[in-house]
C-alpha atoms as a PDB file:
ATOM      1  CA  MET A   1      -0.055   0.051   0.050  1.00  0.00           C
ATOM      2  CA  SER A   2       1.397   3.521  -0.913  1.00  0.00           C
ATOM      3  CA  THR A   3       0.709   6.696   0.840  1.00  0.00           C
ATOM      4  CA  GLN A   4       0.779  10.200  -0.789  1.00  0.00           C
ATOM      5  CA  CYS A   5       2.328  13.064   0.991  1.00  0.00           C
ATOM      6  CA  ALA A   6       1.456  16.499   0.269  1.00  0.00           C
ATOM      7  CA  PRO A   7       4.026  19.283   0.878  1.00  0.00           C
ATOM      8  CA  VAL A   8       3.279  21.653   3.645  1.00  0.00           C
ATOM      9  CA  CYS A   9       4.439  25.178   3.240  1.00  0.00           C
ATOM     10  CA  ALA A  10       5.429  27.103   6.357  1.00  0.00           C
ATOM     11  CA  LEU A  11       4.599  30.325   4.832  1.00  0.00           C
ATOM     12  CA  PRO A  12       0.955  31.805   5.040  1.00  0.00           C
ATOM     13  CA  ASN A  13      -1.427  31.268   2.126  1.00  0.00           C
ATOM     14  CA  ASP A  14      -2.229  34.589   0.457  1.00  0.00           C
ATOM     15  CA  ASP A  15      -5.672  33.213  -0.142  1.00  0.00           C
ATOM     16  CA  VAL A  16      -6.246  32.861   3.548  1.00  0.00           C
ATOM     17  CA  PRO A  17      -5.069  36.092   5.174  1.00  0.00           C
ATOM     18  CA  GLY A  18      -5.838  37.310   8.663  1.00  0.00           C
ATOM     19  CA  ALA A  19      -3.300  35.402  10.914  1.00  0.00           C
ATOM     20  CA  ILE A  20       0.155  36.020  11.917  1.00  0.00           C
ATOM     21  CA  SER A  21       2.745  33.437  10.797  1.00  0.00           C
ATOM     22  CA  LEU A  22       6.297  32.936  11.973  1.00  0.00           C
ATOM     23  CA  ALA A  23       7.500  34.154   8.602  1.00  0.00           C
ATOM     24  CA  HIS A  24       6.031  37.705   9.598  1.00  0.00           C
ATOM     25  CA  GLY A  25       8.991  38.059  11.975  1.00  0.00           C
ATOM     26  CA  GLU A  26      11.754  36.847   9.793  1.00  0.00           C
ATOM     27  CA  GLY A  27      12.645  40.095   8.186  1.00  0.00           C
ATOM     28  CA  GLY A  28      11.748  39.219   4.729  1.00  0.00           C
ATOM     29  CA  ARG A  29       9.057  40.461   2.294  1.00  0.00           C
ATOM     30  CA  LEU A  30       6.146  39.328   4.480  1.00  0.00           C
ATOM     31  CA  MET A  31       7.585  41.250   7.573  1.00  0.00           C
ATOM     32  CA  ARG A  32       7.963  44.090   5.374  1.00  0.00           C
ATOM     33  CA  ASP A  33       4.342  43.893   4.006  1.00  0.00           C
ATOM     34  CA  LEU A  34       3.129  43.483   7.582  1.00  0.00           C
ATOM     35  CA  LEU A  35       4.838  46.668   8.560  1.00  0.00           C
ATOM     36  CA  ARG A  36       3.867  48.618   5.621  1.00  0.00           C
ATOM     37  CA  ARG A  37       0.184  47.504   5.362  1.00  0.00           C
ATOM     38  CA  GLN A  38      -0.787  46.706   8.885  1.00  0.00           C
ATOM     39  CA  ILE A  39       1.293  48.616  11.369  1.00  0.00           C
ATOM     40  CA  LEU A  40       2.926  51.627  10.206  1.00  0.00           C
ATOM     41  CA  PRO A  41      -0.282  53.296   8.699  1.00  0.00           C
ATOM     42  CA  LEU A  42      -2.148  52.580  11.977  1.00  0.00           C
ATOM     43  CA  LEU A  43       0.571  54.102  14.036  1.00  0.00           C
ATOM     44  CA  GLY A  44       0.179  57.464  11.864  1.00  0.00           C
ATOM     45  CA  SER A  45       3.425  57.315   9.878  1.00  0.00           C
ATOM     46  CA  PRO A  46       4.019  55.220   6.860  1.00  0.00           C
ATOM     47  CA  SER A  47       7.025  57.390   6.238  1.00  0.00           C
ATOM     48  CA  ARG A  48      10.563  56.181   6.342  1.00  0.00           C
ATOM     49  CA  GLU A  49      10.947  57.687  10.147  1.00  0.00           C
ATOM     50  CA  LEU A  50       9.323  54.536  11.601  1.00  0.00           C
ATOM     51  CA  GLN A  51      11.056  52.114   9.349  1.00  0.00           C
ATOM     52  CA  GLU A  52      14.605  52.860  10.859  1.00  0.00           C
ATOM     53  CA  ASP A  53      16.023  50.977  13.629  1.00  0.00           C
ATOM     54  CA  ALA A  54      16.510  54.387  15.608  1.00  0.00           C
ATOM     55  CA  ALA A  55      14.921  57.741  15.581  1.00  0.00           C
ATOM     56  CA  VAL A  56      16.710  61.036  15.466  1.00  0.00           C
ATOM     57  CA  LEU A  57      14.918  63.397  17.784  1.00  0.00           C
ATOM     58  CA  ALA A  58      14.798  67.089  18.341  1.00  0.00           C
ATOM     59  CA  PRO A  59      16.732  68.703  21.414  1.00  0.00           C
ATOM     60  CA  LEU A  60      14.923  68.738  24.744  1.00  0.00           C
ATOM     61  CA  ALA A  61      14.058  72.160  26.401  1.00  0.00           C
ATOM     62  CA  GLY A  62      14.850  70.381  29.879  1.00  0.00           C
ATOM     63  CA  PRO A  63      16.637  67.558  31.287  1.00  0.00           C
ATOM     64  CA  PRO A  64      15.719  64.137  29.612  1.00  0.00           C
ATOM     65  CA  VAL A  65      13.545  61.586  31.488  1.00  0.00           C
ATOM     66  CA  PHE A  66      13.432  58.275  30.206  1.00  0.00           C
ATOM     67  CA  THR A  67      11.206  55.221  31.137  1.00  0.00           C
ATOM     68  CA  THR A  68      10.223  51.656  29.841  1.00  0.00           C
ATOM     69  CA  ASP A  69       7.561  49.377  30.509  1.00  0.00           C
ATOM     70  CA  SER A  70       5.949  46.096  29.318  1.00  0.00           C
ATOM     71  CA  PHE A  71       2.086  45.139  29.019  1.00  0.00           C
ATOM     72  CA  VAL A  72       0.582  41.903  29.322  1.00  0.00           C
ATOM     73  CA  VAL A  73      -3.000  42.472  30.268  1.00  0.00           C
ATOM     74  CA  SER A  74      -5.484  39.708  30.254  1.00  0.00           C
ATOM     75  CA  PRO A  75      -8.058  40.125  28.691  1.00  0.00           C
ATOM     76  CA  ARG A  76      -6.766  42.464  26.009  1.00  0.00           C
ATOM     77  CA  PHE A  77     -10.005  44.304  25.741  1.00  0.00           C
ATOM     78  CA  PHE A  78     -11.808  45.711  28.976  1.00  0.00           C
ATOM     79  CA  PRO A  79     -14.383  48.186  29.749  1.00  0.00           C
ATOM     80  CA  GLY A  80     -12.608  51.570  29.588  1.00  0.00           C
ATOM     81  CA  GLY A  81      -9.841  50.488  27.596  1.00  0.00           C
ATOM     82  CA  ASP A  82      -7.568  47.703  25.852  1.00  0.00           C
ATOM     83  CA  LEU A  83      -3.935  46.639  25.646  1.00  0.00           C
ATOM     84  CA  GLY A  84      -3.107  49.165  23.030  1.00  0.00           C
ATOM     85  CA  SER A  85      -4.313  52.391  24.763  1.00  0.00           C
ATOM     86  CA  LEU A  86      -3.061  50.935  28.046  1.00  0.00           C
ATOM     87  CA  ALA A  87       0.509  50.746  26.863  1.00  0.00           C
ATOM     88  CA  ILE A  88       0.567  54.270  25.831  1.00  0.00           C
ATOM     89  CA  HIS A  89      -1.297  55.705  28.973  1.00  0.00           C
ATOM     90  CA  GLY A  90       1.141  53.416  31.305  1.00  0.00           C
ATOM     91  CA  THR A  91       4.233  54.817  29.678  1.00  0.00           C
ATOM     92  CA  VAL A  92       3.365  58.679  29.533  1.00  0.00           C
ATOM     93  CA  ASN A  93       2.070  58.267  33.074  1.00  0.00           C
ATOM     94  CA  ASP A  94       5.590  57.001  34.383  1.00  0.00           C
ATOM     95  CA  LEU A  95       6.968  59.990  32.704  1.00  0.00           C
ATOM     96  CA  ALA A  96       4.326  62.516  33.884  1.00  0.00           C
ATOM     97  CA  VAL A  97       4.652  61.395  37.785  1.00  0.00           C
ATOM     98  CA  ALA A  98       8.424  62.010  37.493  1.00  0.00           C
ATOM     99  CA  GLY A  99       7.571  65.476  36.591  1.00  0.00           C
ATOM    100  CA  ALA A 100       8.075  65.254  32.710  1.00  0.00           C
ATOM    101  CA  ARG A 101       6.143  66.332  29.783  1.00  0.00           C
ATOM    102  CA  PRO A 102       5.993  63.057  27.496  1.00  0.00           C
ATOM    103  CA  ARG A 103       7.391  63.780  24.005  1.00  0.00           C
ATOM    104  CA  TRP A 104       8.239  60.434  22.157  1.00  0.00           C
ATOM    105  CA  LEU A 105       7.471  56.791  22.393  1.00  0.00           C
ATOM    106  CA  SER A 106       8.989  53.427  21.165  1.00  0.00           C
ATOM    107  CA  CYS A 107       6.528  50.693  20.529  1.00  0.00           C
ATOM    108  CA  SER A 108       7.603  46.959  20.174  1.00  0.00           C
ATOM    109  CA  LEU A 109       5.361  44.047  19.721  1.00  0.00           C
ATOM    110  CA  ILE A 110       6.039  40.411  20.603  1.00  0.00           C
ATOM    111  CA  LEU A 111       3.200  38.599  18.570  1.00  0.00           C
ATOM    112  CA  GLU A 112       2.464  34.835  18.921  1.00  0.00           C
ATOM    113  CA  GLU A 113       2.042  32.710  15.822  1.00  0.00           C
ATOM    114  CA  GLY A 114      -1.538  32.588  14.613  1.00  0.00           C
ATOM    115  CA  PHE A 115      -2.453  35.932  16.231  1.00  0.00           C
ATOM    116  CA  ASP A 116      -5.458  37.640  14.302  1.00  0.00           C
ATOM    117  CA  VAL A 117      -4.508  40.533  12.169  1.00  0.00           C
ATOM    118  CA  GLY A 118      -7.897  42.059  12.655  1.00  0.00           C
ATOM    119  CA  GLU A 119      -7.374  42.268  16.357  1.00  0.00           C
ATOM    120  CA  LEU A 120      -3.856  43.520  16.133  1.00  0.00           C
ATOM    121  CA  ARG A 121      -5.277  46.369  13.765  1.00  0.00           C
ATOM    122  CA  ARG A 122      -7.624  47.306  16.469  1.00  0.00           C
ATOM    123  CA  LEU A 123      -5.290  47.433  19.254  1.00  0.00           C
ATOM    124  CA  LEU A 124      -2.787  49.421  17.212  1.00  0.00           C
ATOM    125  CA  GLY A 125      -5.516  51.812  16.094  1.00  0.00           C
ATOM    126  CA  SER A 126      -6.424  52.224  19.746  1.00  0.00           C
ATOM    127  CA  ALA A 127      -2.675  52.811  20.583  1.00  0.00           C
ATOM    128  CA  ALA A 128      -2.266  55.407  17.978  1.00  0.00           C
ATOM    129  CA  ASN A 129      -5.467  57.305  19.074  1.00  0.00           C
ATOM    130  CA  ALA A 130      -4.146  57.409  22.656  1.00  0.00           C
ATOM    131  CA  ALA A 131      -0.760  58.762  21.473  1.00  0.00           C
ATOM    132  CA  ARG A 132      -2.451  61.482  19.582  1.00  0.00           C
ATOM    133  CA  MET A 133      -4.728  62.125  22.456  1.00  0.00           C
ATOM    134  CA  CYS A 134      -1.557  62.331  24.833  1.00  0.00           C
ATOM    135  CA  GLY A 135       0.187  64.549  22.287  1.00  0.00           C
ATOM    136  CA  VAL A 136       3.160  62.175  22.086  1.00  0.00           C
ATOM    137  CA  HIS A 137       4.703  60.523  18.888  1.00  0.00           C
ATOM    138  CA  ILE A 138       5.641  56.971  18.263  1.00  0.00           C
ATOM    139  CA  VAL A 139       8.847  57.244  16.592  1.00  0.00           C
ATOM    140  CA  THR A 140      10.435  53.695  16.654  1.00  0.00           C
ATOM    141  CA  GLY A 141       9.706  50.107  17.404  1.00  0.00           C
ATOM    142  CA  ASP A 142      10.394  46.530  16.741  1.00  0.00           C
ATOM    143  CA  THR A 143       8.202  43.493  15.753  1.00  0.00           C
ATOM    144  CA  LYS A 144       8.987  39.848  16.778  1.00  0.00           C
ATOM    145  CA  VAL A 145       6.932  36.739  16.109  1.00  0.00           C
ATOM    146  CA  VAL A 146       7.378  33.599  18.501  1.00  0.00           C
ATOM    147  CA  PRO A 147       5.704  30.140  18.106  1.00  0.00           C
ATOM    148  CA  ARG A 148       2.243  29.293  19.449  1.00  0.00           C
ATOM    149  CA  GLY A 149       2.093  29.024  23.161  1.00  0.00           C
ATOM    150  CA  ALA A 150       5.199  31.044  23.771  1.00  0.00           C
ATOM    151  CA  VAL A 151       3.120  34.254  24.649  1.00  0.00           C
ATOM    152  CA  ASP A 152      -0.573  34.830  25.199  1.00  0.00           C
ATOM    153  CA  GLY A 153      -1.238  36.424  21.816  1.00  0.00           C
ATOM    154  CA  LEU A 154       0.493  39.806  22.085  1.00  0.00           C
ATOM    155  CA  PHE A 155       2.880  41.547  24.445  1.00  0.00           C
ATOM    156  CA  ILE A 156       3.758  45.155  24.034  1.00  0.00           C
ATOM    157  CA  ASN A 157       6.881  46.838  25.201  1.00  0.00           C
ATOM    158  CA  THR A 158       7.066  50.831  25.110  1.00  0.00           C
ATOM    159  CA  ALA A 159       9.723  53.312  26.100  1.00  0.00           C
ATOM    160  CA  GLY A 160       9.156  56.742  26.644  1.00  0.00           C
ATOM    161  CA  LEU A 161      11.368  59.891  26.488  1.00  0.00           C
ATOM    162  CA  GLY A 162      10.195  63.310  27.938  1.00  0.00           C
ATOM    163  CA  GLU A 163      11.628  66.643  29.317  1.00  0.00           C
ATOM    164  CA  LEU A 164      11.704  67.724  32.829  1.00  0.00           C
ATOM    165  CA  VAL A 165       9.266  70.463  33.628  1.00  0.00           C
ATOM    166  CA  LEU A 166       8.115  69.948  37.365  1.00  0.00           C
ATOM    167  CA  PRO A 167      11.224  68.904  39.431  1.00  0.00           C
ATOM    168  CA  MET A 168      10.042  66.910  42.571  1.00  0.00           C
ATOM    169  CA  PRO A 169      12.583  66.381  45.371  1.00  0.00           C
ATOM    170  CA  GLY A 170      11.029  62.785  45.909  1.00  0.00           C
ATOM    171  CA  PRO A 171       9.542  61.002  48.914  1.00  0.00           C
ATOM    172  CA  ALA A 172      12.803  61.243  51.018  1.00  0.00           C
ATOM    173  CA  SER A 173      12.044  64.975  51.311  1.00  0.00           C
ATOM    174  CA  MET A 174       8.505  64.316  53.041  1.00  0.00           C
ATOM    175  CA  ALA A 175       8.109  66.122  56.314  1.00  0.00           C
ATOM    176  CA  VAL A 176       5.678  65.866  59.133  1.00  0.00           C
ATOM    177  CA  GLY A 177       2.348  67.809  58.159  1.00  0.00           C
ATOM    178  CA  ASP A 178       2.820  67.354  54.453  1.00  0.00           C
ATOM    179  CA  GLU A 179      -0.547  66.367  52.774  1.00  0.00           C
ATOM    180  CA  LEU A 180      -1.588  63.283  50.701  1.00  0.00           C
ATOM    181  CA  LEU A 181      -3.856  63.622  47.781  1.00  0.00           C
ATOM    182  CA  VAL A 182      -5.313  61.204  45.154  1.00  0.00           C
ATOM    183  CA  SER A 183      -6.281  62.320  41.698  1.00  0.00           C
ATOM    184  CA  GLY A 184      -9.602  60.400  41.545  1.00  0.00           C
ATOM    185  CA  PRO A 185     -11.577  57.280  42.675  1.00  0.00           C
ATOM    186  CA  ILE A 186      -9.282  54.395  43.386  1.00  0.00           C
ATOM    187  CA  GLY A 187      -9.333  50.595  42.352  1.00  0.00           C
ATOM    188  CA  ARG A 188     -11.311  50.979  39.041  1.00  0.00           C
ATOM    189  CA  HIS A 189      -8.673  49.468  36.558  1.00  0.00           C
ATOM    190  CA  GLY A 190      -8.066  46.332  38.747  1.00  0.00           C
ATOM    191  CA  MET A 191     -11.927  45.672  39.444  1.00  0.00           C
ATOM    192  CA  ALA A 192     -12.685  46.182  35.565  1.00  0.00           C
ATOM    193  CA  VAL A 193     -10.123  43.741  34.381  1.00  0.00           C
ATOM    194  CA  LEU A 194     -10.996  41.309  37.140  1.00  0.00           C
ATOM    195  CA  ALA A 195     -14.740  41.553  36.022  1.00  0.00           C
ATOM    196  CA  ALA A 196     -13.925  41.032  32.367  1.00  0.00           C
ATOM    197  CA  ARG A 197     -11.634  38.180  33.018  1.00  0.00           C
ATOM    198  CA  GLU A 198     -13.877  36.401  35.092  1.00  0.00           C
ATOM    199  CA  SER A 199     -17.062  37.318  33.160  1.00  0.00           C
ATOM    200  CA  LEU A 200     -18.505  38.794  36.274  1.00  0.00           C
ATOM    201  CA  GLN A 201     -21.788  40.928  35.707  1.00  0.00           C
ATOM    202  CA  PHE A 202     -21.910  43.844  37.757  1.00  0.00           C
ATOM    203  CA  GLU A 203     -24.350  46.927  37.314  1.00  0.00           C
ATOM    204  CA  PRO A 204     -23.270  49.352  36.461  1.00  0.00           C
ATOM    205  CA  THR A 205     -20.422  47.957  34.480  1.00  0.00           C
ATOM    206  CA  LEU A 206     -16.962  48.379  36.005  1.00  0.00           C
ATOM    207  CA  GLU A 207     -14.828  50.569  33.871  1.00  0.00           C
ATOM    208  CA  SER A 208     -11.085  51.119  34.073  1.00  0.00           C
ATOM    209  CA  ASP A 209      -9.609  54.498  34.639  1.00  0.00           C
ATOM    210  CA  SER A 210      -6.896  54.095  32.189  1.00  0.00           C
ATOM    211  CA  ALA A 211      -6.089  57.706  31.026  1.00  0.00           C
ATOM    212  CA  PRO A 212      -3.023  60.166  30.859  1.00  0.00           C
ATOM    213  CA  LEU A 213      -2.172  61.863  33.984  1.00  0.00           C
ATOM    214  CA  TYR A 214      -0.093  64.757  32.536  1.00  0.00           C
ATOM    215  CA  PRO A 215      -2.809  67.353  32.220  1.00  0.00           C
ATOM    216  CA  ALA A 216      -3.223  67.095  36.238  1.00  0.00           C
ATOM    217  CA  LEU A 217       0.452  67.739  36.713  1.00  0.00           C
ATOM    218  CA  GLU A 218       0.505  70.427  34.186  1.00  0.00           C
ATOM    219  CA  ALA A 219      -2.345  72.136  36.070  1.00  0.00           C
ATOM    220  CA  LEU A 220      -0.270  72.089  39.320  1.00  0.00           C
ATOM    221  CA  ARG A 221       2.900  73.420  37.506  1.00  0.00           C
ATOM    222  CA  LEU A 222       0.840  76.183  36.006  1.00  0.00           C
ATOM    223  CA  ALA A 223      -0.669  77.103  39.318  1.00  0.00           C
ATOM    224  CA  GLY A 224       2.653  77.114  41.078  1.00  0.00           C
ATOM    225  CA  VAL A 225       1.881  74.401  43.478  1.00  0.00           C
ATOM    226  CA  PRO A 226       4.994  72.648  44.591  1.00  0.00           C
ATOM    227  CA  VAL A 227       4.883  68.717  44.433  1.00  0.00           C
ATOM    228  CA  LYS A 228       7.237  66.703  46.637  1.00  0.00           C
ATOM    229  CA  ALA A 229       6.348  63.343  45.064  1.00  0.00           C
ATOM    230  CA  ALA A 230       3.913  61.751  42.708  1.00  0.00           C
ATOM    231  CA  ARG A 231       3.269  58.104  41.808  1.00  0.00           C
ATOM    232  CA  ASP A 232       0.614  56.426  39.696  1.00  0.00           C
ATOM    233  CA  ALA A 233      -1.055  53.834  41.866  1.00  0.00           C
ATOM    234  CA  THR A 234      -0.754  50.656  39.574  1.00  0.00           C
ATOM    235  CA  ARG A 235       0.189  47.122  40.796  1.00  0.00           C
ATOM    236  CA  GLY A 236      -0.465  47.043  44.682  1.00  0.00           C
ATOM    237  CA  GLY A 237      -2.677  50.274  44.433  1.00  0.00           C
ATOM    238  CA  VAL A 238      -2.344  53.106  46.825  1.00  0.00           C
ATOM    239  CA  SER A 239      -1.124  50.989  49.552  1.00  0.00           C
ATOM    240  CA  ALA A 240       1.946  50.039  47.675  1.00  0.00           C
ATOM    241  CA  VAL A 241       2.811  53.467  46.916  1.00  0.00           C
ATOM    242  CA  LEU A 242       2.253  54.617  50.533  1.00  0.00           C
ATOM    243  CA  HIS A 243       4.490  51.837  51.689  1.00  0.00           C
ATOM    244  CA  GLU A 244       7.252  52.601  49.410  1.00  0.00           C
ATOM    245  CA  TRP A 245       7.087  56.283  50.425  1.00  0.00           C
ATOM    246  CA  ALA A 246       7.116  55.611  54.063  1.00  0.00           C
ATOM    247  CA  GLU A 247      10.161  53.426  53.798  1.00  0.00           C
ATOM    248  CA  SER A 248      11.855  56.307  51.989  1.00  0.00           C
ATOM    249  CA  CYS A 249      10.893  59.073  54.458  1.00  0.00           C
ATOM    250  CA  ALA A 250      10.967  56.975  57.660  1.00  0.00           C
ATOM    251  CA  LEU A 251       7.757  58.514  58.646  1.00  0.00           C
ATOM    252  CA  THR A 252       4.160  57.382  59.022  1.00  0.00           C
ATOM    253  CA  LEU A 253       1.635  58.132  56.271  1.00  0.00           C
ATOM    254  CA  ALA A 254      -1.836  58.452  57.956  1.00  0.00           C
ATOM    255  CA  ILE A 255      -4.841  58.182  55.568  1.00  0.00           C
ATOM    256  CA  ASN A 256      -8.537  58.936  56.621  1.00  0.00           C
ATOM    257  CA  GLY A 257     -10.893  55.810  55.448  1.00  0.00           C
ATOM    258  CA  THR A 258     -13.761  58.278  55.041  1.00  0.00           C
ATOM    259  CA  ASP A 259     -11.949  60.513  52.850  1.00  0.00           C
ATOM    260  CA  LEU A 260     -10.902  57.909  50.172  1.00  0.00           C
ATOM    261  CA  PRO A 261     -12.731  58.348  46.929  1.00  0.00           C
ATOM    262  CA  VAL A 262     -14.191  54.878  45.895  1.00  0.00           C
ATOM    263  CA  THR A 263     -17.054  54.580  43.480  1.00  0.00           C
ATOM    264  CA  ASP A 264     -20.061  52.800  44.639  1.00  0.00           C
ATOM    265  CA  SER A 265     -19.669  50.122  42.009  1.00  0.00           C
ATOM    266  CA  VAL A 266     -15.991  49.479  42.986  1.00  0.00           C
ATOM    267  CA  ARG A 267     -16.860  49.539  46.723  1.00  0.00           C
ATOM    268  CA  GLY A 268     -19.567  47.146  46.267  1.00  0.00           C
ATOM    269  CA  ALA A 269     -17.603  44.616  44.197  1.00  0.00           C
ATOM    270  CA  CYS A 270     -14.641  44.881  46.547  1.00  0.00           C
ATOM    271  CA  GLU A 271     -17.036  44.009  49.427  1.00  0.00           C
ATOM    272  CA  LEU A 272     -18.342  41.149  47.582  1.00  0.00           C
ATOM    273  CA  LEU A 273     -14.983  39.631  46.673  1.00  0.00           C
ATOM    274  CA  GLY A 274     -13.283  40.224  49.961  1.00  0.00           C
ATOM    275  CA  LEU A 275     -10.863  42.977  48.534  1.00  0.00           C
ATOM    276  CA  ASP A 276      -9.618  46.233  49.819  1.00  0.00           C
ATOM    277  CA  PRO A 277      -9.697  49.086  47.208  1.00  0.00           C
ATOM    278  CA  LEU A 278      -6.503  50.346  48.635  1.00  0.00           C
ATOM    279  CA  HIS A 279      -4.753  47.205  47.222  1.00  0.00           C
ATOM    280  CA  VAL A 280      -6.559  47.358  43.867  1.00  0.00           C
ATOM    281  CA  ALA A 281      -4.499  48.667  40.719  1.00  0.00           C
ATOM    282  CA  CYS A 282      -5.391  51.975  39.182  1.00  0.00           C
ATOM    283  CA  GLU A 283      -4.328  53.107  35.504  1.00  0.00           C
ATOM    284  CA  GLY A 284      -5.265  56.776  35.524  1.00  0.00           C
ATOM    285  CA  THR A 285      -5.054  57.679  39.170  1.00  0.00           C
ATOM    286  CA  MET A 286      -2.041  58.969  41.083  1.00  0.00           C
ATOM    287  CA  VAL A 287      -0.962  59.725  44.615  1.00  0.00           C
ATOM    288  CA  ILE A 288       0.511  63.107  45.344  1.00  0.00           C
ATOM    289  CA  VAL A 289       2.146  64.653  48.381  1.00  0.00           C
ATOM    290  CA  VAL A 290       2.342  68.390  48.650  1.00  0.00           C
ATOM    291  CA  PRO A 291       3.657  70.684  51.502  1.00  0.00           C
ATOM    292  CA  SER A 292       1.593  71.528  54.533  1.00  0.00           C
ATOM    293  CA  GLY A 293      -1.022  73.945  53.788  1.00  0.00           C
ATOM    294  CA  THR A 294      -1.031  73.695  50.007  1.00  0.00           C
ATOM    295  CA  ALA A 295      -3.538  70.935  49.743  1.00  0.00           C
ATOM    296  CA  ALA A 296      -6.485  73.427  48.872  1.00  0.00           C
ATOM    297  CA  ALA A 297      -4.556  75.142  46.118  1.00  0.00           C
ATOM    298  CA  ALA A 298      -3.356  71.794  44.740  1.00  0.00           C
ATOM    299  CA  LEU A 299      -6.935  70.429  44.735  1.00  0.00           C
ATOM    300  CA  SER A 300      -8.287  73.515  42.952  1.00  0.00           C
ATOM    301  CA  ALA A 301      -5.813  73.027  40.224  1.00  0.00           C
ATOM    302  CA  MET A 302      -6.015  69.479  39.736  1.00  0.00           C
ATOM    303  CA  ARG A 303      -9.762  69.645  39.504  1.00  0.00           C
ATOM    304  CA  SER A 304      -9.525  71.970  36.642  1.00  0.00           C
ATOM    305  CA  ALA A 305      -8.298  68.990  34.508  1.00  0.00           C
ATOM    306  CA  ALA A 306     -10.807  66.362  33.496  1.00  0.00           C
ATOM    307  CA  VAL A 307      -8.636  63.460  34.640  1.00  0.00           C
ATOM    308  CA  SER A 308      -8.278  64.611  38.049  1.00  0.00           C
ATOM    309  CA  ALA A 309     -11.858  66.393  38.439  1.00  0.00           C
ATOM    310  CA  SER A 310     -12.531  64.302  41.592  1.00  0.00           C
ATOM    311  CA  ALA A 311      -9.143  64.867  43.347  1.00  0.00           C
ATOM    312  CA  ALA A 312      -9.424  64.533  47.052  1.00  0.00           C
ATOM    313  CA  GLN A 313      -7.024  64.896  50.146  1.00  0.00           C
ATOM    314  CA  ILE A 314      -6.797  61.564  51.830  1.00  0.00           C
ATOM    315  CA  GLY A 315      -4.338  62.070  54.780  1.00  0.00           C
ATOM    316  CA  GLU A 316      -1.124  63.537  55.973  1.00  0.00           C
ATOM    317  CA  VAL A 317       2.362  62.600  56.950  1.00  0.00           C
ATOM    318  CA  MET A 318       2.865  62.045  60.690  1.00  0.00           C
ATOM    319  CA  SER A 319       5.980  61.261  62.974  1.00  0.00           C
ATOM    320  CA  ARG A 320       6.703  57.417  63.090  1.00  0.00           C
ATOM    321  CA  GLN A 321       3.864  55.591  64.629  1.00  0.00           C
ATOM    322  CA  VAL A 322       3.409  51.816  65.252  1.00  0.00           C
ATOM    323  CA  ALA A 323       3.260  51.172  61.597  1.00  0.00           C
ATOM    324  CA  PRO A 324       4.608  52.897  58.379  1.00  0.00           C
ATOM    325  CA  VAL A 325       1.141  53.274  57.016  1.00  0.00           C
ATOM    326  CA  VAL A 326      -2.085  53.770  59.112  1.00  0.00           C
ATOM    327  CA  VAL A 327      -5.757  54.240  58.326  1.00  0.00           C
ATOM    328  CA  ARG A 328      -8.018  56.210  60.385  1.00  0.00           C
ATOM    329  CA  ARG A 329     -11.181  54.180  60.936  1.00  0.00           C
ATOM    330  CA  ALA A 330     -14.194  54.557  63.103  1.00  0.00           C
ATOM    331  CA  LEU A 331     -13.647  56.633  66.274  1.00  0.00           C
ATOM    332  CA  ARG A 332     -10.542  58.071  64.729  1.00  0.00           C
ATOM    333  CA  ARG A 333      -8.665  55.024  65.700  1.00  0.00           C
ATOM    334  CA  LEU A 334      -5.304  54.493  63.812  1.00  0.00           C
ATOM    335  CA  VAL A 335      -5.234  50.933  62.198  1.00  0.00           C
ATOM    336  CA  PRO A 336      -2.074  49.646  60.419  1.00  0.00           C
ATOM    337  CA  LEU A 337      -2.515  49.237  56.579  1.00  0.00           C
ATOM    338  CA  ASP A 338      -0.822  45.942  55.380  1.00  0.00           C
ATOM    339  CA  GLU A 339       1.464  46.209  52.489  1.00  0.00           C
ATOM    340  CA  PRO A 340       0.484  43.992  49.611  1.00  0.00           C
ATOM    341  CA  VAL A 341       2.723  40.929  49.457  1.00  0.00           C
ATOM    342  CA  GLY A 342       1.711  39.766  46.038  1.00  0.00           C
ATOM    343  CA  ALA A 343      -0.748  40.822  43.379  1.00  0.00           C
ATOM    344  CA  ALA A 344      -4.279  39.621  44.096  1.00  0.00           C
ATOM    345  CA  LEU A 345      -4.861  39.732  40.495  1.00  0.00           C
ATOM    346  CA  PRO A 346      -1.937  39.258  38.162  1.00  0.00           C
ATOM    347  CA  ARG A 347      -1.647  40.548  34.592  1.00  0.00           C
ATOM    348  CA  ILE A 348      -3.432  43.593  34.891  1.00  0.00           C
ATOM    349  CA  CYS A 349      -1.035  45.885  32.924  1.00  0.00           C
END
């Protein structure tokens, strides 16, 4: 008995478009076609600028500020955002809370073999739109394709370059009496991703706060309000930020439980699931420390920006107490706030 073997081609069949193949990452014609037809036009520039391995940038007016980040969120689409916009917001926010005006980004993709090109276009379109809204330019990048199972569809790495416009002395400069603020309701991103991942039906729908924070810091700069430190409260939430700062300044950070801005939907979901909003990640909310007596001016300035319209004072810096971070609960009693040991919800950013 004879058998007949048909040859199998590792290259994609042009008659069946729509999926990424390993050949799309090998540097040949298929990779150039992917870049020219699917990636570069969506990122806003089919010109030669984005096709080079490096970008030549204009001189900066202030000291350069540089950051990098990787994004592996699951699911890739969630109420209030997606992996594409999140990659932009996360990187510009890291620049913003360092006191920098974001200027330029790189964007590198690690694609899994078989990834849907239509989904890629949606995510890149979202990233490009977020970059335009943030006033930054994506000027260089890279694309790699790995075999099935090596990654979960798509990972995005971004790097950002900005110029320092709002110098901050940092958390080590904090002193007794300094005031603690947050730019808006906490815990929204982590709860939105959790609900989407587990198909939990909450009414109203939980939505991420993914958004750029630079307008809030620019409002503080224009108002002349000094800022000692700022940090976007991502993994570990507000609690992680406060514990890092308490370690740096060797003081106690006290927050008022009744002053914490938490939406009713996030509060209810956290109570149902046994989570503390202080430990849940944000993606468009930051914690800020300002000198004693300046909270009112800071809040007035921040509330002029849409992203921080619900800014609130949440506490102050105290001399060292029994714990580095404490919460005033009922009867004004100080209760230690635990530091998050690990992520209650991995792969949120």
